[in-house]
Amino acid sequence: MLSFEFTPEQEAFRRELRKFAVQELAPRYIERASKPEFPWDAHRQLADLGVLGIGLPERYGGTGEPDPITLGLAAETLAYGDVNVASAPILVGLIAAQLAEQASVAVAAEWVPRFISGEVVAAIAVTEPGAGSDAANVATVARPVDGGWRISGEKIAITHAMSAAVALVYAREPGSIGHRGVSCYCVPLDAAGVTRSHIMGMGTLPLGWGSLAFDEVFVPSDHLVGEPGRGFAGAMHHFDFSRPGLGLMCLGAAQASIDEAVAWAQQRESFGRPLAAFQGVSFPLAEHATKLEAARWLCYRALWLRAMGRNHTDLAAMAKWWPPQVAKEAIETAWVTHGNLGYSTEMPLQQRFRDVAGYLVADGTAGIQKRIIATTMMGPVAAS
């Protein structure tokens, strides 16, 4: 019989993280979210809690075997307190796993323990000015030279562009076309020829969104990650994890908003009755609670399939386009339930709305995700 229960260990971990999210993260969420500064203090607290090593090899300080469900559980639970801080286990899991599995021993040993300890953060550099969600058509070039490569090109809309110590950069062999010829390189961002530019978004300010320019940046030969010319396939495999993880993160923020709206509706009176007594207030909240529950289990189904080693590309795409939309709409209803107070910058609702809205496009827009789903259903003709 199919079980929807988490293990006792996962439940205990969830309770520990929920307490941390409510008591430590939530009180300073608005303060952190208002500044384009990476939240190092909170990030290192996550390291102390063991969050940044989930599913990473023990030899680097991680917990051991890949554990996508616990990673998703951590992201969802932490987002209840701070959706920006909650992105850490997803991004560390996304990048560190690639290095641990596919990088040279020296490169993995240099960086993965530092990610797990919270000492540094990393970026994943795929998106370009002329190739957003079309990652197979990156224009950044890696030119072979003695001892390695010289990388030239520009990446935009990169999370951690301003705070990362290193980036996984996707670049192509000169003259190659499409996804063939695209390789992944581990590039320290203090290398000569790297330029960073900050881009202010409407939300997610602490994540240091920006662009990275590479002008003949030298990358040693042992900094290739994975097989040459197969970087695109490696990236897509790991995005199948990050997409449901991001969906759960958005849902965690939305659940906090709905819980706040329910508490407000129970205590706030209008026309001599609690707001909760009016179906115009209670029914929309009930509808959003239903959608959040459905979206949540879609995400965990995708992560369960990953844990079982089964194909889950289509469910990962579903978990990326729909849950952020569900979350955004739930947060909007929560702020409307609060009236003018909900719109105030003193409340976390408006901040959550703007932070979650960024995930309508991050890791691929809804249109791209639907294209992936349709291609799974109907074959390549659906992508033509």
Protein backbone atom coordinates (compact mmCIF):
# COMPACT_ATOMS: atom_id res chain seq x y z
CA MET A 1 0.00 0.00 0.00
CA LEU A 2 1.30 3.44 -0.92
CA SER A 3 2.28 5.61 2.06
CA PHE A 4 2.33 9.40 2.13
CA GLU A 5 4.13 9.50 5.49
CA PHE A 6 7.58 10.89 5.99
CA THR A 7 10.01 8.75 7.98
CA PRO A 8 10.31 9.39 11.72
CA GLU A 9 13.73 10.93 11.07
CA GLN A 10 12.30 13.27 8.44
CA GLU A 11 9.45 14.29 10.74
CA ALA A 12 11.86 15.06 13.57
CA PHE A 13 14.00 17.11 11.20
CA ARG A 14 10.92 18.92 9.90
CA ARG A 15 9.88 19.85 13.45
CA GLU A 16 13.37 21.14 14.22
CA LEU A 17 13.44 23.26 11.05
CA ARG A 18 9.90 24.55 11.60
CA LYS A 19 10.88 25.80 15.06
CA PHE A 20 13.95 27.47 13.57
CA ALA A 21 11.90 28.99 10.74
CA VAL A 22 9.31 30.48 13.09
CA GLN A 23 11.59 31.60 15.91
CA GLU A 24 14.77 32.59 14.07
CA LEU A 25 14.00 33.30 10.41
CA ALA A 26 10.51 34.82 10.37
CA PRO A 27 11.16 37.75 12.78
CA ARG A 28 13.90 39.18 10.54
CA TYR A 29 12.52 38.14 7.15
CA ILE A 30 11.42 41.62 6.06
CA GLU A 31 14.66 43.18 7.26
CA ARG A 32 16.78 40.69 5.31
CA ALA A 33 14.56 40.83 2.23
CA SER A 34 14.81 44.61 1.95
CA LYS A 35 18.57 44.64 1.33
CA PRO A 36 20.68 43.29 -1.55
CA GLU A 37 23.06 41.64 0.90
CA PHE A 38 23.53 37.91 1.18
CA PRO A 39 22.28 36.68 4.60
CA TRP A 40 25.51 35.02 5.72
CA ASP A 41 24.48 34.71 9.37
CA ALA A 42 21.28 32.81 8.55
CA HIS A 43 23.08 30.77 5.88
CA ARG A 44 25.70 29.57 8.35
CA GLN A 45 22.99 28.70 10.83
CA LEU A 46 21.62 26.35 8.17
CA ALA A 47 25.06 24.78 7.94
CA ASP A 48 25.06 24.26 11.71
CA LEU A 49 21.67 22.54 11.42
CA GLY A 50 23.05 20.17 8.79
CA VAL A 51 20.78 21.51 6.06
CA LEU A 52 23.53 22.25 3.54
CA GLY A 53 24.94 18.73 3.51
CA ILE A 54 21.75 16.80 2.81
CA GLY A 55 22.38 14.04 0.28
CA LEU A 56 26.03 14.94 -0.29
CA PRO A 57 28.94 12.51 0.22
CA GLU A 58 30.11 11.90 3.77
CA ARG A 59 33.74 12.36 2.72
CA TYR A 60 32.97 16.05 2.18
CA GLY A 61 30.92 16.46 5.36
CA GLY A 62 27.50 15.56 3.94
CA THR A 63 24.86 13.10 5.09
CA GLY A 64 25.65 10.41 2.54
CA GLU A 65 23.28 9.02 -0.06
CA PRO A 66 21.22 11.37 -2.28
CA ASP A 67 18.05 12.35 -0.44
CA PRO A 68 15.84 14.56 -2.64
CA ILE A 69 12.74 14.18 -0.45
CA THR A 70 14.48 15.47 2.69
CA LEU A 71 15.99 18.31 0.65
CA GLY A 72 12.52 19.30 -0.56
CA LEU A 73 11.16 19.02 2.98
CA ALA A 74 13.90 21.34 4.22
CA ALA A 75 13.22 23.94 1.53
CA GLU A 76 9.46 23.92 2.14
CA THR A 77 9.81 24.16 5.92
CA LEU A 78 12.43 26.90 5.94
CA ALA A 79 10.40 28.96 3.45
CA TYR A 80 7.66 29.20 6.07
CA GLY A 81 10.01 31.64 7.80
CA ASP A 82 12.09 33.11 4.97
CA VAL A 83 11.69 32.09 1.35
CA ASN A 84 15.04 33.61 0.36
CA VAL A 85 17.09 31.79 3.00
CA ALA A 86 15.19 28.61 2.08
CA SER A 87 16.74 28.55 -1.39
CA ALA A 88 20.09 27.50 0.11
CA PRO A 89 19.56 23.72 0.30
CA ILE A 90 18.25 23.67 -3.28
CA LEU A 91 21.13 25.68 -4.74
CA VAL A 92 23.76 23.82 -2.73
CA GLY A 93 22.17 20.51 -3.67
CA LEU A 94 22.00 21.52 -7.33
CA ILE A 95 25.62 22.66 -7.64
CA ALA A 96 27.49 20.56 -5.07
CA ALA A 97 25.94 17.34 -6.37
CA GLN A 98 27.26 18.07 -9.86
CA LEU A 99 30.75 18.69 -8.52
CA ALA A 100 30.71 15.66 -6.23
CA GLU A 101 29.51 13.38 -9.02
CA GLN A 102 31.26 14.77 -12.09
CA ALA A 103 34.16 17.09 -11.22
CA SER A 104 37.76 16.08 -10.72
CA VAL A 105 38.66 14.87 -7.22
CA ALA A 106 40.72 17.99 -6.61
CA VAL A 107 37.98 20.43 -7.65
CA ALA A 108 35.26 18.62 -5.70
CA ALA A 109 37.47 18.45 -2.60
CA GLU A 110 38.22 22.16 -2.87
CA TRP A 111 34.63 23.39 -3.10
CA VAL A 112 32.04 20.91 -1.82
CA PRO A 113 33.14 20.96 1.85
CA ARG A 114 33.07 24.76 1.77
CA PHE A 115 29.50 24.73 0.43
CA ILE A 116 28.41 22.32 3.16
CA SER A 117 30.05 24.38 5.92
CA GLY A 118 28.38 27.57 4.69
CA GLU A 119 31.74 29.24 4.09
CA VAL A 120 30.97 30.12 0.45
CA VAL A 121 28.11 29.98 -2.03
CA ALA A 122 28.11 29.18 -5.73
CA ALA A 123 26.20 30.16 -8.85
CA ILE A 124 25.00 28.22 -11.86
CA ALA A 125 25.50 30.25 -15.03
CA VAL A 126 23.33 29.11 -17.93
CA THR A 127 20.99 31.98 -18.96
CA GLU A 128 22.26 34.49 -21.54
CA PRO A 129 20.90 37.66 -23.17
CA GLY A 130 20.02 35.72 -26.32
CA ALA A 131 19.35 32.32 -24.79
CA GLY A 132 17.11 32.44 -21.74
CA SER A 133 15.19 29.21 -21.30
CA ASP A 134 16.71 27.93 -24.57
CA ALA A 135 19.77 26.65 -22.76
CA ALA A 136 20.90 24.52 -25.70
CA ASN A 137 21.71 27.66 -27.69
CA VAL A 138 24.18 29.35 -25.36
CA ALA A 139 26.61 31.62 -27.14
CA THR A 140 29.38 31.69 -24.51
CA VAL A 141 32.45 30.03 -25.99
CA ALA A 142 35.16 27.92 -24.37
CA ARG A 143 38.22 28.09 -26.66
CA PRO A 144 40.77 25.30 -26.14
CA VAL A 145 44.27 26.53 -25.20
CA ASP A 146 47.33 24.93 -23.66
CA GLY A 147 46.37 23.61 -20.24
CA GLY A 148 42.66 24.31 -20.48
CA TRP A 149 40.24 26.80 -22.03
CA ARG A 150 39.58 30.51 -22.43
CA ILE A 151 35.93 31.38 -21.79
CA SER A 152 34.25 34.46 -23.27
CA GLY A 153 30.61 35.47 -23.08
CA GLU A 154 27.91 36.88 -20.82
CA LYS A 155 25.43 35.28 -18.43
CA ILE A 156 22.43 37.16 -17.05
CA ALA A 157 19.79 36.73 -14.34
CA ILE A 158 22.21 34.65 -12.28
CA THR A 159 21.32 33.93 -8.65
CA HIS A 160 24.30 34.63 -6.34
CA ALA A 161 26.09 36.55 -9.09
CA MET A 162 27.21 39.11 -6.50
CA SER A 163 28.07 36.76 -3.64
CA ALA A 164 29.29 33.51 -5.20
CA ALA A 165 32.91 32.43 -4.96
CA VAL A 166 32.61 30.05 -7.89
CA ALA A 167 30.20 29.29 -10.72
CA LEU A 168 29.31 26.37 -12.94
CA VAL A 169 29.53 28.01 -16.35
CA TYR A 170 28.01 26.43 -19.45
CA ALA A 171 29.89 27.22 -22.64
CA ARG A 172 30.26 25.66 -26.07
CA GLU A 173 33.10 24.52 -28.25
CA PRO A 174 33.79 27.00 -31.08
CA GLY A 175 31.65 26.14 -34.10
CA SER A 176 29.34 23.70 -32.31
CA ILE A 177 25.56 23.89 -32.70
CA GLY A 178 22.66 23.14 -30.33
CA HIS A 179 23.17 21.17 -27.15
CA ARG A 180 26.06 19.20 -28.66
CA GLY A 181 29.33 20.84 -27.79
CA VAL A 182 28.09 22.54 -24.60
CA SER A 183 30.26 21.70 -21.61
CA CYS A 184 30.22 22.65 -17.93
CA TYR A 185 33.21 24.37 -16.32
CA CYS A 186 33.93 25.20 -12.69
CA VAL A 187 35.09 28.83 -12.76
CA PRO A 188 36.33 30.69 -9.64
CA LEU A 189 34.81 34.15 -9.87
CA ASP A 190 37.93 35.90 -8.65
CA ALA A 191 39.68 34.85 -11.89
CA ALA A 192 41.09 37.55 -14.16
CA GLY A 193 38.56 38.61 -16.78
CA VAL A 194 35.40 38.03 -14.70
CA THR A 195 33.10 41.03 -14.23
CA ARG A 196 29.96 41.11 -12.09
CA SER A 197 27.01 43.49 -12.49
CA HIS A 198 24.13 43.73 -10.04
CA ILE A 199 20.54 43.71 -11.31
CA MET A 200 17.91 44.94 -8.85
CA GLY A 201 14.76 42.84 -8.99
CA MET A 202 11.34 43.44 -7.48
CA GLY A 203 12.09 40.69 -4.96
CA THR A 204 14.69 38.11 -3.85
CA LEU A 205 17.19 40.93 -3.22
CA PRO A 206 19.37 38.95 -0.78
CA LEU A 207 20.12 36.38 -3.50
CA GLY A 208 22.27 38.88 -5.41
CA TRP A 209 20.69 38.57 -8.84
CA GLY A 210 22.96 39.85 -11.59
CA SER A 211 25.10 39.22 -14.66
CA LEU A 212 28.53 37.65 -15.12
CA ALA A 213 30.79 38.62 -18.01
CA PHE A 214 33.78 36.49 -19.03
CA ASP A 215 36.57 38.02 -21.08
CA GLU A 216 39.07 35.34 -22.09
CA VAL A 217 38.88 33.80 -18.61
CA PHE A 218 41.35 30.95 -18.26
CA VAL A 219 39.97 27.67 -16.89
CA PRO A 220 42.40 24.80 -16.16
CA SER A 221 41.79 21.46 -17.84
CA ASP A 222 40.86 19.73 -14.55
CA HIS A 223 37.99 22.21 -14.05
CA LEU A 224 35.79 20.54 -16.65
CA VAL A 225 32.70 19.11 -14.93
CA GLY A 226 31.34 15.97 -16.55
CA GLU A 227 31.99 14.78 -20.08
CA PRO A 228 33.06 17.28 -22.72
CA GLY A 229 30.18 18.31 -24.95
CA ARG A 230 27.54 16.83 -22.64
CA GLY A 231 27.06 19.66 -20.17
CA PHE A 232 23.52 20.34 -21.34
CA ALA A 233 22.34 16.82 -20.48
CA GLY A 234 23.97 17.07 -17.05
CA ALA A 235 22.30 20.39 -16.33
CA MET A 236 18.85 19.12 -17.32
CA HIS A 237 19.21 16.08 -15.07
CA HIS A 238 19.94 18.26 -12.06
CA PHE A 239 17.20 20.76 -12.93
CA ASP A 240 14.80 17.82 -12.56
CA PHE A 241 15.64 18.05 -8.85
CA SER A 242 15.69 21.82 -8.42
CA ARG A 243 12.33 22.41 -10.10
CA PRO A 244 10.15 20.53 -7.56
CA GLY A 245 12.41 21.91 -4.82
CA LEU A 246 11.65 25.46 -5.90
CA GLY A 247 7.96 24.59 -6.12
CA LEU A 248 7.96 23.41 -2.51
CA MET A 249 9.83 26.52 -1.43
CA CYS A 250 7.10 28.73 -2.90
CA LEU A 251 4.41 26.60 -1.28
CA GLY A 252 6.06 26.94 2.13
CA ALA A 253 5.87 30.72 1.87
CA ALA A 254 2.27 30.50 0.69
CA GLN A 255 1.30 28.23 3.59
CA ALA A 256 2.64 30.77 6.07
CA SER A 257 0.52 33.43 4.35
CA ILE A 258 -2.66 31.35 4.43
CA ASP A 259 -2.09 30.50 8.10
CA GLU A 260 -1.74 34.21 8.85
CA ALA A 261 -4.91 34.97 6.93
CA VAL A 262 -6.86 32.29 8.80
CA ALA A 263 -5.71 33.65 12.17
CA TRP A 264 -6.63 37.19 11.07
CA ALA A 265 -10.06 36.12 9.83
CA GLN A 266 -10.79 34.48 13.17
CA GLN A 267 -9.90 37.52 15.27
CA ARG A 268 -10.89 40.48 13.03
CA GLU A 269 -14.54 41.51 13.21
CA SER A 270 -16.72 43.21 10.62
CA PHE A 271 -20.41 44.04 11.05
CA GLY A 272 -20.25 42.50 14.50
CA ARG A 273 -18.98 39.11 13.33
CA PRO A 274 -15.55 37.55 12.75
CA LEU A 275 -14.41 37.70 9.13
CA ALA A 276 -14.26 33.91 9.19
CA ALA A 277 -18.05 33.83 9.45
CA PHE A 278 -18.37 35.26 5.94
CA GLN A 279 -18.16 32.76 3.09
CA GLY A 280 -16.65 35.43 0.88
CA VAL A 281 -13.63 35.27 3.18
CA SER A 282 -13.56 31.63 4.28
CA PHE A 283 -14.27 29.97 0.93
CA PRO A 284 -11.33 31.49 -0.98
CA LEU A 285 -9.02 30.43 1.85
CA ALA A 286 -10.47 26.91 1.68
CA GLU A 287 -9.89 26.85 -2.07
CA HIS A 288 -6.27 27.89 -1.70
CA ALA A 289 -5.68 25.35 1.06
CA THR A 290 -6.89 22.67 -1.37
CA LYS A 291 -4.65 23.86 -4.20
CA LEU A 292 -1.62 24.12 -1.91
CA GLU A 293 -2.14 20.54 -0.76
CA ALA A 294 -2.48 19.25 -4.32
CA ALA A 295 0.57 21.17 -5.53
CA ARG A 296 2.61 20.02 -2.55
CA TRP A 297 2.10 16.34 -3.29
CA LEU A 298 2.84 16.86 -6.96
CA CYS A 299 6.27 18.13 -5.91
CA TYR A 300 6.89 15.28 -3.51
CA ARG A 301 5.76 12.76 -6.12
CA ALA A 302 8.45 14.13 -8.47
CA LEU A 303 11.09 13.91 -5.73
CA TRP A 304 9.98 10.39 -4.79
CA LEU A 305 10.42 9.29 -8.40
CA ARG A 306 13.90 10.80 -8.36
CA ALA A 307 14.73 8.96 -5.15
CA MET A 308 13.55 5.73 -6.80
CA GLY A 309 15.76 6.38 -9.83
CA ARG A 310 12.76 6.68 -12.15
CA ASN A 311 12.11 9.20 -14.90
CA HIS A 312 10.47 12.32 -13.56
CA THR A 313 11.27 15.06 -16.07
CA ASP A 314 7.61 15.68 -16.86
CA LEU A 315 6.55 15.82 -13.19
CA ALA A 316 9.50 18.07 -12.39
CA ALA A 317 8.26 20.46 -15.08
CA MET A 318 4.72 20.29 -13.69
CA ALA A 319 6.12 21.01 -10.22
CA LYS A 320 7.88 24.09 -11.52
CA TRP A 321 5.16 25.84 -13.52
CA TRP A 322 2.09 25.19 -11.36
CA PRO A 323 3.12 25.42 -7.65
CA PRO A 324 4.68 28.93 -7.95
CA GLN A 325 1.48 30.12 -9.63
CA VAL A 326 -0.64 28.49 -6.92
CA ALA A 327 1.58 30.04 -4.25
CA LYS A 328 1.45 33.54 -5.75
CA GLU A 329 -2.35 33.47 -5.94
CA ALA A 330 -2.64 32.16 -2.36
CA ILE A 331 -0.40 34.94 -1.03
CA GLU A 332 -2.42 37.54 -2.93
CA THR A 333 -5.65 36.30 -1.36
CA ALA A 334 -4.01 36.30 2.07
CA TRP A 335 -3.03 39.94 1.75
CA VAL A 336 -6.49 40.91 0.47
CA THR A 337 -7.98 39.12 3.48
CA HIS A 338 -5.92 41.43 5.69
CA GLY A 339 -7.18 44.50 3.81
CA ASN A 340 -4.99 47.60 3.92
CA LEU A 341 -2.81 46.01 6.60
CA GLY A 342 -1.84 43.21 4.23
CA TYR A 343 -0.61 45.70 1.65
CA SER A 344 1.58 47.44 4.21
CA THR A 345 5.33 47.02 4.07
CA GLU A 346 5.17 46.24 7.78
CA MET A 347 3.59 42.89 6.93
CA PRO A 348 5.47 39.98 5.29
CA LEU A 349 2.70 39.31 2.76
CA GLN A 350 3.70 41.88 0.16
CA GLN A 351 7.33 40.79 0.47
CA ARG A 352 6.48 37.12 0.02
CA PHE A 353 4.37 37.98 -3.01
CA ARG A 354 7.31 39.71 -4.70
CA ASP A 355 9.84 37.07 -3.70
CA VAL A 356 7.68 34.17 -4.89
CA ALA A 357 6.85 35.97 -8.16
CA GLY A 358 10.49 35.59 -9.21
CA TYR A 359 10.00 31.83 -9.46
CA LEU A 360 7.42 32.26 -12.21
CA VAL A 361 10.47 32.66 -14.46
CA ALA A 362 13.45 31.17 -12.56
CA ASP A 363 14.57 27.74 -13.81
CA GLY A 364 12.39 28.18 -16.89
CA THR A 365 9.06 29.90 -17.46
CA ALA A 366 5.68 28.17 -17.37
CA GLY A 367 5.74 28.05 -21.17
CA ILE A 368 9.02 26.13 -21.18
CA GLN A 369 7.74 23.69 -18.55
CA LYS A 370 4.56 23.04 -20.54
CA ARG A 371 6.69 22.41 -23.62
CA ILE A 372 8.62 19.76 -21.68
CA ILE A 373 5.39 18.14 -20.48
CA ALA A 374 3.85 18.19 -23.94
CA THR A 375 6.98 16.69 -25.49
CA THR A 376 6.82 13.85 -22.93
CA MET A 377 3.19 13.25 -23.80
CA MET A 378 3.31 13.61 -27.59
CA GLY A 379 6.92 13.34 -28.62
CA PRO A 380 9.15 15.81 -30.50
CA VAL A 381 6.27 17.01 -32.68
CA ALA A 382 4.94 18.94 -29.66
CA ALA A 383 8.20 20.92 -29.48
CA SER A 384 8.37 21.85 -33.15
